[in-house]
Structures are given as C-alpha cells and as structure tokens.
Amino acid sequence: VIWAALAFAAIQLLGMLCACIVLCRRSR
C-alpha cells in the first residue's frame, strides 16, 4: 500500500506539471 501510494503520488505530480504547462501556454 505504501509503495503504491508513493508511486502514484509521483504520477500525480507529473499530471499536475503537464496541466500547469498547458495552462501557461493557454494564457500566452
């Protein structure tokens, strides 16, 4: 459970980063 939560927390960070990049591009 611990390792699964840590691994997918990393995936979520990647998802947030990608969404922020799209948001920044959209604002420009």
PDB file of all heavy atoms in Angstrom:
ATOM      1  N   VAL A   1       0.840  -1.202   0.000  1.00  0.00           N
ATOM      2  CA  VAL A   1       0.000   0.000   0.000  1.00  0.00           C
ATOM      3  C   VAL A   1       0.877   1.255   0.000  1.00  0.00           C
ATOM      4  O   VAL A   1       0.628   2.205  -0.744  1.00  0.00           O
ATOM      5  CB  VAL A   1      -0.943   0.000   1.217  1.00  0.00           C
ATOM      6  CG1 VAL A   1      -1.703   1.308   1.312  1.00  0.00           C
ATOM      7  CG2 VAL A   1      -1.920  -1.175   1.145  1.00  0.00           C
ATOM      8  N   ILE A   2       1.907   1.248   0.840  1.00  0.00           N
ATOM      9  CA  ILE A   2       2.784   2.421   0.957  1.00  0.00           C
ATOM     10  C   ILE A   2       3.494   2.709  -0.362  1.00  0.00           C
ATOM     11  O   ILE A   2       3.503   3.850  -0.841  1.00  0.00           O
ATOM     12  CB  ILE A   2       3.806   2.198   2.091  1.00  0.00           C
ATOM     13  CG1 ILE A   2       3.088   2.178   3.456  1.00  0.00           C
ATOM     14  CG2 ILE A   2       4.878   3.289   2.073  1.00  0.00           C
ATOM     15  CD1 ILE A   2       3.973   1.748   4.603  1.00  0.00           C
ATOM     16  N   TRP A   3       4.069   1.670  -0.971  1.00  0.00           N
ATOM     17  CA  TRP A   3       4.811   1.876  -2.219  1.00  0.00           C
ATOM     18  C   TRP A   3       3.880   2.255  -3.361  1.00  0.00           C
ATOM     19  O   TRP A   3       4.252   3.075  -4.229  1.00  0.00           O
ATOM     20  CB  TRP A   3       5.602   0.621  -2.584  1.00  0.00           C
ATOM     21  CG  TRP A   3       6.849   0.464  -1.775  1.00  0.00           C
ATOM     22  CD1 TRP A   3       7.137  -0.509  -0.865  1.00  0.00           C
ATOM     23  CD2 TRP A   3       7.997   1.326  -1.790  1.00  0.00           C
ATOM     24  NE1 TRP A   3       8.374  -0.303  -0.301  1.00  0.00           N
ATOM     25  CE2 TRP A   3       8.928   0.807  -0.854  1.00  0.00           C
ATOM     26  CE3 TRP A   3       8.318   2.489  -2.496  1.00  0.00           C
ATOM     27  CZ2 TRP A   3      10.157   1.420  -0.624  1.00  0.00           C
ATOM     28  CZ3 TRP A   3       9.553   3.091  -2.256  1.00  0.00           C
ATOM     29  CH2 TRP A   3      10.449   2.549  -1.328  1.00  0.00           C
ATOM     30  N   ALA A   4       2.672   1.670  -3.372  1.00  0.00           N
ATOM     31  CA  ALA A   4       1.702   2.038  -4.414  1.00  0.00           C
ATOM     32  C   ALA A   4       1.313   3.508  -4.286  1.00  0.00           C
ATOM     33  O   ALA A   4       1.253   4.238  -5.279  1.00  0.00           O
ATOM     34  CB  ALA A   4       0.465   1.147  -4.310  1.00  0.00           C
ATOM     35  N   ALA A   5       1.064   3.949  -3.054  1.00  0.00           N
ATOM     36  CA  ALA A   5       0.691   5.354  -2.827  1.00  0.00           C
ATOM     37  C   ALA A   5       1.825   6.284  -3.234  1.00  0.00           C
ATOM     38  O   ALA A   5       1.591   7.331  -3.866  1.00  0.00           O
ATOM     39  CB  ALA A   5       0.322   5.565  -1.362  1.00  0.00           C
ATOM     40  N   LEU A   6       3.072   5.932  -2.910  1.00  0.00           N
ATOM     41  CA  LEU A   6       4.216   6.776  -3.273  1.00  0.00           C
ATOM     42  C   LEU A   6       4.402   6.840  -4.790  1.00  0.00           C
ATOM     43  O   LEU A   6       4.647   7.910  -5.356  1.00  0.00           O
ATOM     44  CB  LEU A   6       5.490   6.235  -2.618  1.00  0.00           C
ATOM     45  CG  LEU A   6       5.650   6.466  -1.112  1.00  0.00           C
ATOM     46  CD1 LEU A   6       6.872   5.735  -0.582  1.00  0.00           C
ATOM     47  CD2 LEU A   6       5.756   7.964  -0.813  1.00  0.00           C
ATOM     48  N   ALA A   7       4.271   5.682  -5.455  1.00  0.00           N
ATOM     49  CA  ALA A   7       4.479   5.638  -6.901  1.00  0.00           C
ATOM     50  C   ALA A   7       3.452   6.492  -7.628  1.00  0.00           C
ATOM     51  O   ALA A   7       3.788   7.266  -8.535  1.00  0.00           O
ATOM     52  CB  ALA A   7       4.403   4.192  -7.392  1.00  0.00           C
ATOM     53  N   PHE A   8       2.196   6.387  -7.199  1.00  0.00           N
ATOM     54  CA  PHE A   8       1.162   7.112  -7.924  1.00  0.00           C
ATOM     55  C   PHE A   8       1.060   8.565  -7.486  1.00  0.00           C
ATOM     56  O   PHE A   8       0.488   9.388  -8.198  1.00  0.00           O
ATOM     57  CB  PHE A   8      -0.156   6.369  -7.809  1.00  0.00           C
ATOM     58  CG  PHE A   8      -0.075   5.022  -8.475  1.00  0.00           C
ATOM     59  CD1 PHE A   8      -0.234   3.854  -7.754  1.00  0.00           C
ATOM     60  CD2 PHE A   8       0.221   4.933  -9.819  1.00  0.00           C
ATOM     61  CE1 PHE A   8      -0.112   2.617  -8.366  1.00  0.00           C
ATOM     62  CE2 PHE A   8       0.338   3.704 -10.446  1.00  0.00           C
ATOM     63  CZ  PHE A   8       0.169   2.535  -9.719  1.00  0.00           C
ATOM     64  N   ALA A   9       1.622   8.889  -6.336  1.00  0.00           N
ATOM     65  CA  ALA A   9       1.762  10.297  -5.976  1.00  0.00           C
ATOM     66  C   ALA A   9       2.724  10.970  -6.952  1.00  0.00           C
ATOM     67  O   ALA A   9       2.519  12.129  -7.358  1.00  0.00           O
ATOM     68  CB  ALA A   9       2.270  10.431  -4.545  1.00  0.00           C
ATOM     69  N   ALA A  10       3.764  10.240  -7.353  1.00  0.00           N
ATOM     70  CA  ALA A  10       4.712  10.778  -8.339  1.00  0.00           C
ATOM     71  C   ALA A  10       4.025  10.990  -9.689  1.00  0.00           C
ATOM     72  O   ALA A  10       4.263  11.993 -10.372  1.00  0.00           O
ATOM     73  CB  ALA A  10       5.900   9.826  -8.488  1.00  0.00           C
ATOM     74  N   ILE A  11       3.147  10.047 -10.077  1.00  0.00           N
ATOM     75  CA  ILE A  11       2.414  10.194 -11.335  1.00  0.00           C
ATOM     76  C   ILE A  11       1.495  11.407 -11.280  1.00  0.00           C
ATOM     77  O   ILE A  11       1.347  12.155 -12.257  1.00  0.00           O
ATOM     78  CB  ILE A  11       1.605   8.911 -11.635  1.00  0.00           C
ATOM     79  CG1 ILE A  11       2.560   7.745 -11.929  1.00  0.00           C
ATOM     80  CG2 ILE A  11       0.658   9.122 -12.817  1.00  0.00           C
ATOM     81  CD1 ILE A  11       1.872   6.419 -12.131  1.00  0.00           C
ATOM     82  N   GLN A  12       0.887  11.626 -10.116  1.00  0.00           N
ATOM     83  CA  GLN A  12       0.009  12.788  -9.970  1.00  0.00           C
ATOM     84  C   GLN A  12       0.791  14.097 -10.075  1.00  0.00           C
ATOM     85  O   GLN A  12       0.303  15.081 -10.635  1.00  0.00           O
ATOM     86  CB  GLN A  12      -0.727  12.720  -8.629  1.00  0.00           C
ATOM     87  CG  GLN A  12      -1.843  11.691  -8.639  1.00  0.00           C
ATOM     88  CD  GLN A  12      -2.383  11.436  -7.255  1.00  0.00           C
ATOM     89  OE1 GLN A  12      -2.440  10.315  -6.789  1.00  0.00           O
ATOM     90  NE2 GLN A  12      -2.771  12.488  -6.573  1.00  0.00           N
ATOM     91  N   LEU A  13       2.007  14.111  -9.531  1.00  0.00           N
ATOM     92  CA  LEU A  13       2.848  15.308  -9.679  1.00  0.00           C
ATOM     93  C   LEU A  13       3.118  15.587 -11.156  1.00  0.00           C
ATOM     94  O   LEU A  13       3.101  16.740 -11.601  1.00  0.00           O
ATOM     95  CB  LEU A  13       4.162  15.115  -8.922  1.00  0.00           C
ATOM     96  CG  LEU A  13       4.109  15.271  -7.402  1.00  0.00           C
ATOM     97  CD1 LEU A  13       5.467  14.933  -6.795  1.00  0.00           C
ATOM     98  CD2 LEU A  13       3.706  16.694  -7.018  1.00  0.00           C
ATOM     99  N   LEU A  14       3.358  14.514 -11.919  1.00  0.00           N
ATOM    100  CA  LEU A  14       3.575  14.665 -13.365  1.00  0.00           C
ATOM    101  C   LEU A  14       2.315  15.215 -14.033  1.00  0.00           C
ATOM    102  O   LEU A  14       2.391  16.091 -14.894  1.00  0.00           O
ATOM    103  CB  LEU A  14       3.952  13.309 -13.964  1.00  0.00           C
ATOM    104  CG  LEU A  14       4.149  13.270 -15.488  1.00  0.00           C
ATOM    105  CD1 LEU A  14       5.296  14.180 -15.895  1.00  0.00           C
ATOM    106  CD2 LEU A  14       4.400  11.837 -15.956  1.00  0.00           C
ATOM    107  N   GLY A  15       1.152  14.691 -13.613  1.00  0.00           N
ATOM    108  CA  GLY A  15      -0.108  15.183 -14.171  1.00  0.00           C
ATOM    109  C   GLY A  15      -0.326  16.655 -13.878  1.00  0.00           C
ATOM    110  O   GLY A  15      -0.753  17.421 -14.759  1.00  0.00           O
ATOM    111  N   MET A  16      -0.035  17.079 -12.647  1.00  0.00           N
ATOM    112  CA  MET A  16      -0.183  18.492 -12.289  1.00  0.00           C
ATOM    113  C   MET A  16       0.780  19.364 -13.085  1.00  0.00           C
ATOM    114  O   MET A  16       0.430  20.463 -13.530  1.00  0.00           O
ATOM    115  CB  MET A  16       0.045  18.682 -10.778  1.00  0.00           C
ATOM    116  CG  MET A  16      -1.103  18.190  -9.912  1.00  0.00           C
ATOM    117  SD  MET A  16      -0.912  18.604  -8.161  1.00  0.00           S
ATOM    118  CE  MET A  16       0.307  17.400  -7.650  1.00  0.00           C
ATOM    119  N   LEU A  17       2.012  18.887 -13.289  1.00  0.00           N
ATOM    120  CA  LEU A  17       3.006  19.641 -14.054  1.00  0.00           C
ATOM    121  C   LEU A  17       2.542  19.830 -15.499  1.00  0.00           C
ATOM    122  O   LEU A  17       2.615  20.942 -16.048  1.00  0.00           O
ATOM    123  CB  LEU A  17       4.349  18.908 -14.009  1.00  0.00           C
ATOM    124  CG  LEU A  17       5.487  19.523 -14.836  1.00  0.00           C
ATOM    125  CD1 LEU A  17       5.818  20.916 -14.315  1.00  0.00           C
ATOM    126  CD2 LEU A  17       6.721  18.624 -14.786  1.00  0.00           C
ATOM    127  N   CYS A  18       2.045  18.740 -16.116  1.00  0.00           N
ATOM    128  CA  CYS A  18       1.577  18.825 -17.505  1.00  0.00           C
ATOM    129  C   CYS A  18       0.403  19.792 -17.632  1.00  0.00           C
ATOM    130  O   CYS A  18       0.338  20.582 -18.578  1.00  0.00           O
ATOM    131  CB  CYS A  18       1.163  17.438 -17.999  1.00  0.00           C
ATOM    132  SG  CYS A  18       2.545  16.290 -18.188  1.00  0.00           S
ATOM    133  N   ALA A  19      -0.530  19.711 -16.674  1.00  0.00           N
ATOM    134  CA  ALA A  19      -1.691  20.609 -16.711  1.00  0.00           C
ATOM    135  C   ALA A  19      -1.261  22.065 -16.553  1.00  0.00           C
ATOM    136  O   ALA A  19      -1.798  22.964 -17.213  1.00  0.00           O
ATOM    137  CB  ALA A  19      -2.678  20.229 -15.622  1.00  0.00           C
ATOM    138  N   CYS A  20      -0.284  22.312 -15.681  1.00  0.00           N
ATOM    139  CA  CYS A  20       0.211  23.681 -15.478  1.00  0.00           C
ATOM    140  C   CYS A  20       0.883  24.212 -16.746  1.00  0.00           C
ATOM    141  O   CYS A  20       0.748  25.392 -17.092  1.00  0.00           O
ATOM    142  CB  CYS A  20       1.181  23.718 -14.304  1.00  0.00           C
ATOM    143  SG  CYS A  20       0.389  23.525 -12.688  1.00  0.00           S
ATOM    144  N   ILE A  21       1.608  23.337 -17.468  1.00  0.00           N
ATOM    145  CA  ILE A  21       2.255  23.751 -18.719  1.00  0.00           C
ATOM    146  C   ILE A  21       1.208  24.163 -19.745  1.00  0.00           C
ATOM    147  O   ILE A  21       1.331  25.192 -20.420  1.00  0.00           O
ATOM    148  CB  ILE A  21       3.137  22.602 -19.276  1.00  0.00           C
ATOM    149  CG1 ILE A  21       4.354  22.393 -18.371  1.00  0.00           C
ATOM    150  CG2 ILE A  21       3.575  22.900 -20.713  1.00  0.00           C
ATOM    151  CD1 ILE A  21       5.182  21.177 -18.722  1.00  0.00           C
ATOM    152  N   VAL A  22       0.138  23.346 -19.863  1.00  0.00           N
ATOM    153  CA  VAL A  22      -0.939  23.678 -20.801  1.00  0.00           C
ATOM    154  C   VAL A  22      -1.607  24.988 -20.397  1.00  0.00           C
ATOM    155  O   VAL A  22      -1.927  25.829 -21.234  1.00  0.00           O
ATOM    156  CB  VAL A  22      -1.977  22.531 -20.862  1.00  0.00           C
ATOM    157  CG1 VAL A  22      -3.154  22.927 -21.741  1.00  0.00           C
ATOM    158  CG2 VAL A  22      -1.328  21.266 -21.390  1.00  0.00           C
ATOM    159  N   LEU A  23      -1.808  25.183 -19.087  1.00  0.00           N
ATOM    160  CA  LEU A  23      -2.418  26.428 -18.598  1.00  0.00           C
ATOM    161  C   LEU A  23      -1.556  27.637 -18.949  1.00  0.00           C
ATOM    162  O   LEU A  23      -2.068  28.675 -19.394  1.00  0.00           O
ATOM    163  CB  LEU A  23      -2.614  26.350 -17.081  1.00  0.00           C
ATOM    164  CG  LEU A  23      -3.942  25.783 -16.572  1.00  0.00           C
ATOM    165  CD1 LEU A  23      -3.913  25.642 -15.055  1.00  0.00           C
ATOM    166  CD2 LEU A  23      -5.107  26.676 -16.993  1.00  0.00           C
ATOM    167  N   CYS A  24      -0.254  27.512 -18.747  1.00  0.00           N
ATOM    168  CA  CYS A  24       0.658  28.625 -19.046  1.00  0.00           C
ATOM    169  C   CYS A  24       0.670  28.935 -20.539  1.00  0.00           C
ATOM    170  O   CYS A  24       0.655  30.098 -20.953  1.00  0.00           O
ATOM    171  CB  CYS A  24       2.071  28.296 -18.574  1.00  0.00           C
ATOM    172  SG  CYS A  24       2.232  28.214 -16.776  1.00  0.00           S
ATOM    173  N   ARG A  25       0.660  27.888 -21.363  1.00  0.00           N
ATOM    174  CA  ARG A  25       0.650  28.094 -22.814  1.00  0.00           C
ATOM    175  C   ARG A  25      -0.651  28.761 -23.247  1.00  0.00           C
ATOM    176  O   ARG A  25      -0.667  29.639 -24.104  1.00  0.00           O
ATOM    177  CB  ARG A  25       0.809  26.751 -23.521  1.00  0.00           C
ATOM    178  CG  ARG A  25       0.983  26.869 -25.033  1.00  0.00           C
ATOM    179  CD  ARG A  25       0.977  25.520 -25.703  1.00  0.00           C
ATOM    180  NE  ARG A  25      -0.346  24.914 -25.608  1.00  0.00           N
ATOM    181  CZ  ARG A  25      -0.639  23.705 -26.102  1.00  0.00           C
ATOM    182  NH1 ARG A  25       0.307  22.980 -26.661  1.00  0.00           N
ATOM    183  NH2 ARG A  25      -1.862  23.216 -25.986  1.00  0.00           N
ATOM    184  N   ARG A  26      -1.748  28.325 -22.606  1.00  0.00           N
ATOM    185  CA  ARG A  26      -3.061  28.897 -22.939  1.00  0.00           C
ATOM    186  C   ARG A  26      -3.117  30.379 -22.574  1.00  0.00           C
ATOM    187  O   ARG A  26      -3.682  31.186 -23.296  1.00  0.00           O
ATOM    188  CB  ARG A  26      -4.148  28.143 -22.166  1.00  0.00           C
ATOM    189  CG  ARG A  26      -5.565  28.549 -22.531  1.00  0.00           C
ATOM    190  CD  ARG A  26      -5.971  27.947 -23.857  1.00  0.00           C
ATOM    191  NE  ARG A  26      -7.340  28.334 -24.195  1.00  0.00           N
ATOM    192  CZ  ARG A  26      -7.686  29.362 -24.939  1.00  0.00           C
ATOM    193  NH1 ARG A  26      -6.751  30.161 -25.428  1.00  0.00           N
ATOM    194  NH2 ARG A  26      -8.943  29.618 -25.220  1.00  0.00           N
ATOM    195  N   SER A  27      -2.495  30.756 -21.451  1.00  0.00           N
ATOM    196  CA  SER A  27      -2.531  32.158 -21.012  1.00  0.00           C
ATOM    197  C   SER A  27      -1.677  33.048 -21.909  1.00  0.00           C
ATOM    198  O   SER A  27      -1.903  34.251 -21.977  1.00  0.00           O
ATOM    199  CB  SER A  27      -2.059  32.267 -19.560  1.00  0.00           C
ATOM    200  OG  SER A  27      -0.700  31.873 -19.446  1.00  0.00           O
ATOM    201  N   ARG A  28      -0.692  32.465 -22.618  1.00  0.00           N
ATOM    202  CA  ARG A  28       0.170  33.262 -23.510  1.00  0.00           C
ATOM    203  C   ARG A  28      -0.392  33.385 -24.918  1.00  0.00           C
ATOM    204  O   ARG A  28       0.133  34.137 -25.734  1.00  0.00           O
ATOM    205  CB  ARG A  28       1.571  32.647 -23.576  1.00  0.00           C
ATOM    206  CG  ARG A  28       2.400  32.828 -22.308  1.00  0.00           C
ATOM    207  CD  ARG A  28       3.867  32.604 -22.614  1.00  0.00           C
ATOM    208  NE  ARG A  28       4.106  31.275 -23.150  1.00  0.00           N
ATOM    209  CZ  ARG A  28       4.415  30.215 -22.414  1.00  0.00           C
ATOM    210  NH1 ARG A  28       4.506  30.333 -21.092  1.00  0.00           N
ATOM    211  NH2 ARG A  28       4.632  29.039 -22.971  1.00  0.00           N
TER     212      ARG A  28
END
